[in-house]
Amino acid sequence: MFFPSFAGSLLMLFAGCATTATQENWDDITFNAPMDTDGYILQPPGLSSPLITYYDGATGQQVTKPWASLSNDQINKILSDTHATISVSQYNASGTVSYEAASATASAGRYQVIMNYCNFVGEDVQDPTTHALIGQGRVGVGLRLTALIITTKADINLGSVLALGVAADEGTVRGTMSVDSIGIRIAGNAGPILSNTTIDESSIQKTLEAIAVIQSKIADPTTYLDPQLIEIKPAPGQNPDNIRHSLTTGT
């Protein structure tokens, strides 16, 4: 199964960018995942969803089973919905983080750009301790590219490859990027997962090649899929920060 829309978006964002940027220190910044336009908040990789309730065509009934007991083909049939989004957040001089549209920057500064793609099924999410409903989740597998970018002038379009390419050539954009393969493990642990790397022509090419390999292997019967909670839309009255704490600590 190949996801041309996601690969195309990555190509549109990064192809042609060339810079010799050095590694930046981002340790002083805490970016909380921004809320999507439809109210969903990205969650960090690793929040596994052990069980799935789905309609079993063989029995004609709703059944609840461990994801681990299902074949790759069964999982892909359950994860019948897809979602892709681009989110941009800016670290302000005051120490706060604001969320921007994926368009021209309002000022020079530090930005986080996240491109997220997932195959998912909608599931109610309960607090692991109280079992109270805390939101509606997108459970599935996917790919997430995160770019940490420093711009030295305003009016650079963070959603345009042409603008970023020109800016990189001019030396007005530099930064690092990383790719998370969420819930996808290629047989033999040979998946080309990249660590944090500077944005330059070589790393962009390797990133696109790695993503293409992962995408092409999702439907392969030998690929292990471990669906995870990728995004959550908080239920009324639920604090997003409390949700993140509950899901990652169980308290």
Protein backbone atom coordinates (compact mmCIF):
# COMPACT_ATOMS: atom_id res chain seq x y z
CA MET A 1 0.00 0.00 0.00
CA PHE A 2 1.60 3.28 -1.10
CA PHE A 3 0.45 6.67 0.09
CA PRO A 4 1.24 9.06 -2.76
CA SER A 5 -0.51 12.01 -1.12
CA PHE A 6 1.79 11.87 1.91
CA ALA A 7 4.94 11.20 -0.11
CA GLY A 8 3.95 13.99 -2.45
CA SER A 9 3.46 16.37 0.45
CA LEU A 10 6.93 15.54 1.77
CA LEU A 11 8.40 16.07 -1.65
CA MET A 12 6.56 19.37 -2.00
CA LEU A 13 7.90 20.51 1.37
CA PHE A 14 11.55 19.50 1.16
CA ALA A 15 12.70 18.74 -2.40
CA GLY A 16 15.25 21.26 -3.57
CA CYS A 17 16.18 22.56 -0.12
CA ALA A 18 19.94 22.75 0.38
CA THR A 19 21.73 24.11 3.41
CA THR A 20 24.76 23.35 5.51
CA ALA A 21 23.01 24.14 8.78
CA THR A 22 24.62 23.02 12.00
CA GLN A 23 22.74 21.13 14.73
CA GLU A 24 20.67 23.55 16.83
CA ASN A 25 20.04 23.18 20.55
CA TRP A 26 16.28 22.84 21.09
CA ASP A 27 16.49 21.52 24.66
CA ASP A 28 15.13 24.77 26.08
CA ILE A 29 11.89 24.45 24.13
CA THR A 30 8.93 22.24 24.96
CA PHE A 31 6.54 21.97 22.01
CA ASN A 32 3.19 20.46 22.93
CA ALA A 33 1.54 18.94 19.88
CA PRO A 34 -0.86 21.49 18.41
CA MET A 35 -4.56 20.90 18.07
CA ASP A 36 -5.65 20.00 14.55
CA THR A 37 -8.34 22.02 12.79
CA ASP A 38 -10.87 19.32 13.70
CA GLY A 39 -9.92 19.33 17.39
CA TYR A 40 -7.55 16.33 17.49
CA ILE A 41 -4.20 16.52 19.29
CA LEU A 42 -1.18 14.53 18.16
CA GLN A 43 0.14 12.04 20.70
CA PRO A 44 3.75 10.87 21.07
CA PRO A 45 4.64 7.49 19.52
CA GLY A 46 4.43 4.46 21.78
CA LEU A 47 0.87 4.67 23.13
CA SER A 48 -0.15 1.13 22.15
CA SER A 49 -3.79 0.08 21.93
CA PRO A 50 -3.86 -3.60 23.01
CA LEU A 51 -7.47 -4.45 22.04
CA ILE A 52 -9.80 -3.68 19.14
CA THR A 53 -13.56 -4.15 18.87
CA TYR A 54 -14.71 -4.64 15.30
CA TYR A 55 -17.33 -6.35 13.16
CA ASP A 56 -16.29 -9.91 12.30
CA GLY A 57 -17.71 -10.85 8.92
CA ALA A 58 -17.17 -14.56 9.59
CA THR A 59 -19.42 -14.59 12.68
CA GLY A 60 -21.63 -11.59 11.91
CA GLN A 61 -20.94 -10.18 15.38
CA GLN A 62 -18.93 -7.49 17.11
CA VAL A 63 -15.83 -9.07 18.62
CA THR A 64 -13.01 -7.78 20.81
CA LYS A 65 -9.56 -9.19 20.17
CA PRO A 66 -5.92 -8.26 20.75
CA TRP A 67 -4.39 -6.49 17.77
CA ALA A 68 -1.50 -8.95 18.08
CA SER A 69 -3.83 -11.84 17.22
CA LEU A 70 -4.83 -10.34 13.86
CA SER A 71 -3.05 -10.74 10.56
CA ASN A 72 -1.57 -7.84 8.64
CA ASP A 73 -4.43 -8.11 6.13
CA GLN A 74 -7.09 -8.02 8.89
CA ILE A 75 -5.48 -4.97 10.48
CA ASN A 76 -5.31 -3.10 7.18
CA LYS A 77 -9.01 -3.78 6.57
CA ILE A 78 -9.91 -2.39 10.01
CA LEU A 79 -7.75 0.70 9.51
CA SER A 80 -9.88 1.82 6.60
CA ASP A 81 -9.72 5.60 7.18
CA THR A 82 -6.82 7.91 6.40
CA HIS A 83 -5.85 11.35 7.66
CA ALA A 84 -3.04 13.75 6.81
CA THR A 85 -2.26 17.13 8.28
CA ILE A 86 0.46 19.78 8.51
CA SER A 87 0.80 21.80 11.72
CA VAL A 88 3.13 24.70 12.50
CA SER A 89 4.03 26.08 15.91
CA GLN A 90 6.31 28.99 16.81
CA TYR A 91 8.44 29.47 19.92
CA ASN A 92 8.09 33.09 20.95
CA ALA A 93 10.65 35.28 22.71
CA SER A 94 8.35 35.39 25.74
CA GLY A 95 8.81 31.65 26.20
CA THR A 96 5.34 30.72 24.95
CA VAL A 97 4.37 28.57 21.99
CA SER A 98 1.79 29.72 19.46
CA TYR A 99 0.24 27.70 16.66
CA GLU A 100 0.29 29.05 13.15
CA ALA A 101 -1.16 28.21 9.76
CA ALA A 102 1.13 26.33 7.39
CA SER A 103 1.82 29.47 5.42
CA ALA A 104 4.10 32.49 5.46
CA THR A 105 5.90 33.20 8.71
CA ALA A 106 4.88 36.37 10.49
CA SER A 107 8.39 36.95 11.79
CA ALA A 108 11.84 35.46 12.02
CA GLY A 109 12.14 32.83 14.72
CA ARG A 110 12.00 29.17 15.68
CA TYR A 111 9.28 26.92 14.26
CA GLN A 112 8.21 23.32 14.54
CA VAL A 113 6.56 21.85 11.44
CA ILE A 114 4.85 18.45 11.76
CA MET A 115 3.56 16.45 8.80
CA ASN A 116 1.42 13.59 10.07
CA TYR A 117 -0.17 10.75 8.09
CA CYS A 118 -2.09 7.78 9.48
CA ASN A 119 -4.32 4.87 8.59
CA PHE A 120 -6.75 4.65 11.48
CA VAL A 121 -9.99 3.53 13.06
CA GLY A 122 -11.97 5.73 15.45
CA GLU A 123 -12.04 4.50 19.05
CA ASP A 124 -13.29 5.83 22.39
CA VAL A 125 -10.34 6.48 24.73
CA GLN A 126 -10.72 5.82 28.44
CA ASP A 127 -8.60 6.95 31.36
CA PRO A 128 -6.38 3.93 32.22
CA THR A 129 -7.08 4.38 35.94
CA THR A 130 -10.69 5.58 36.25
CA HIS A 131 -11.94 4.16 32.92
CA ALA A 132 -13.83 7.41 32.34
CA LEU A 133 -14.21 8.57 28.74
CA ILE A 134 -11.55 11.17 28.00
CA GLY A 135 -11.87 11.52 24.25
CA GLN A 136 -12.26 10.13 20.75
CA GLY A 137 -9.06 8.66 19.38
CA ARG A 138 -7.56 7.79 16.03
CA VAL A 139 -5.90 4.42 16.52
CA GLY A 140 -3.69 3.10 13.76
CA VAL A 141 -0.30 3.23 12.09
CA GLY A 142 1.44 5.99 10.23
CA LEU A 143 4.40 8.23 9.55
CA ARG A 144 5.31 11.53 11.15
CA LEU A 145 7.95 13.97 9.97
CA THR A 146 9.02 16.69 12.38
CA ALA A 147 11.15 19.62 11.25
CA LEU A 148 12.65 22.14 13.68
CA ILE A 149 13.40 25.23 11.65
CA ILE A 150 15.02 28.57 12.35
CA THR A 151 14.13 31.40 9.98
CA THR A 152 16.11 34.62 9.91
CA LYS A 153 13.52 36.71 8.06
CA ALA A 154 9.77 37.02 7.76
CA ASP A 155 7.43 35.93 4.97
CA ILE A 156 8.91 32.47 4.38
CA ASN A 157 6.15 30.04 3.43
CA LEU A 158 6.61 26.95 5.62
CA GLY A 159 4.19 24.97 3.42
CA SER A 160 5.92 25.69 0.12
CA VAL A 161 8.90 23.79 -1.21
CA LEU A 162 9.76 26.60 -3.59
CA ALA A 163 9.84 29.21 -0.84
CA LEU A 164 11.84 26.99 1.51
CA GLY A 165 14.23 26.02 -1.27
CA VAL A 166 14.94 29.65 -2.09
CA ALA A 167 15.27 30.51 1.60
CA ALA A 168 17.69 27.62 2.20
CA ASP A 169 19.81 28.66 -0.77
CA GLU A 170 19.90 32.17 0.66
CA GLY A 171 20.84 30.86 4.08
CA THR A 172 17.70 32.24 5.72
CA VAL A 173 16.37 28.84 6.81
CA ARG A 174 18.21 26.13 8.71
CA GLY A 175 17.20 23.30 11.02
CA THR A 176 16.83 19.60 11.67
CA MET A 177 14.25 16.94 10.88
CA SER A 178 13.32 13.46 12.04
CA VAL A 179 10.89 10.74 10.95
CA ASP A 180 8.83 8.48 13.21
CA SER A 181 7.40 5.27 11.83
CA ILE A 182 4.46 4.68 14.17
CA GLY A 183 3.37 1.10 14.73
CA ILE A 184 5.20 -0.25 11.66
CA ARG A 185 8.10 -2.69 11.86
CA ILE A 186 9.51 -4.14 8.66
CA ALA A 187 10.55 -7.79 8.83
CA GLY A 188 14.12 -8.34 9.97
CA ASN A 189 14.25 -4.97 11.74
CA ALA A 190 15.58 -3.52 8.52
CA GLY A 191 13.29 -0.51 8.47
CA PRO A 192 15.19 2.61 7.40
CA ILE A 193 14.24 4.80 10.36
CA LEU A 194 16.16 8.06 10.51
CA SER A 195 17.43 9.81 13.60
CA ASN A 196 17.54 13.57 13.99
CA THR A 197 19.43 15.03 11.06
CA THR A 198 20.21 18.45 9.64
CA ILE A 199 18.19 19.62 6.66
CA ASP A 200 20.44 19.43 3.62
CA GLU A 201 20.23 17.91 0.16
CA SER A 202 21.63 14.51 1.20
CA SER A 203 19.45 14.08 4.29
CA ILE A 204 16.32 15.10 2.37
CA GLN A 205 17.00 12.44 -0.25
CA LYS A 206 17.58 9.77 2.40
CA THR A 207 14.41 10.81 4.21
CA LEU A 208 12.25 10.52 1.10
CA GLU A 209 13.78 7.14 0.24
CA ALA A 210 13.18 5.84 3.76
CA ILE A 211 9.55 6.98 3.77
CA ALA A 212 8.93 5.41 0.37
CA VAL A 213 10.31 2.06 1.60
CA ILE A 214 8.18 2.13 4.75
CA GLN A 215 5.04 3.06 2.80
CA SER A 216 5.56 0.28 0.29
CA LYS A 217 5.91 -2.30 3.07
CA ILE A 218 2.80 -1.53 5.13
CA ALA A 219 0.63 -4.09 3.32
CA ASP A 220 3.42 -6.68 3.12
CA PRO A 221 2.31 -9.81 5.07
CA THR A 222 5.73 -9.95 6.77
CA THR A 223 5.44 -6.40 8.13
CA TYR A 224 4.42 -6.25 11.79
CA LEU A 225 1.74 -3.68 12.56
CA ASP A 226 1.17 -2.49 16.12
CA PRO A 227 -1.68 0.08 16.04
CA GLN A 228 -1.19 2.97 18.45
CA LEU A 229 -3.13 5.98 19.67
CA ILE A 230 -2.00 8.60 17.17
CA GLU A 231 -4.40 11.47 17.89
CA ILE A 232 -7.12 12.23 20.42
CA LYS A 233 -10.00 14.71 20.48
CA PRO A 234 -10.66 15.56 24.14
CA ALA A 235 -14.15 14.94 25.48
CA PRO A 236 -16.01 18.02 26.80
CA GLY A 237 -14.44 19.25 30.02
CA GLN A 238 -11.19 17.34 29.52
CA ASN A 239 -7.91 19.25 29.77
CA PRO A 240 -5.50 18.28 26.93
CA ASP A 241 -2.47 18.44 29.25
CA ASN A 242 -4.17 16.15 31.78
CA ILE A 243 -5.00 13.70 29.01
CA ARG A 244 -1.36 13.51 27.92
CA HIS A 245 -0.25 12.95 31.52
CA SER A 246 -2.84 10.23 32.13
CA LEU A 247 -2.02 8.34 28.94
CA THR A 248 1.76 8.41 29.43
CA THR A 249 1.86 7.71 33.17
CA GLY A 250 -1.42 5.92 33.90
CA THR A 251 -2.23 8.39 36.69
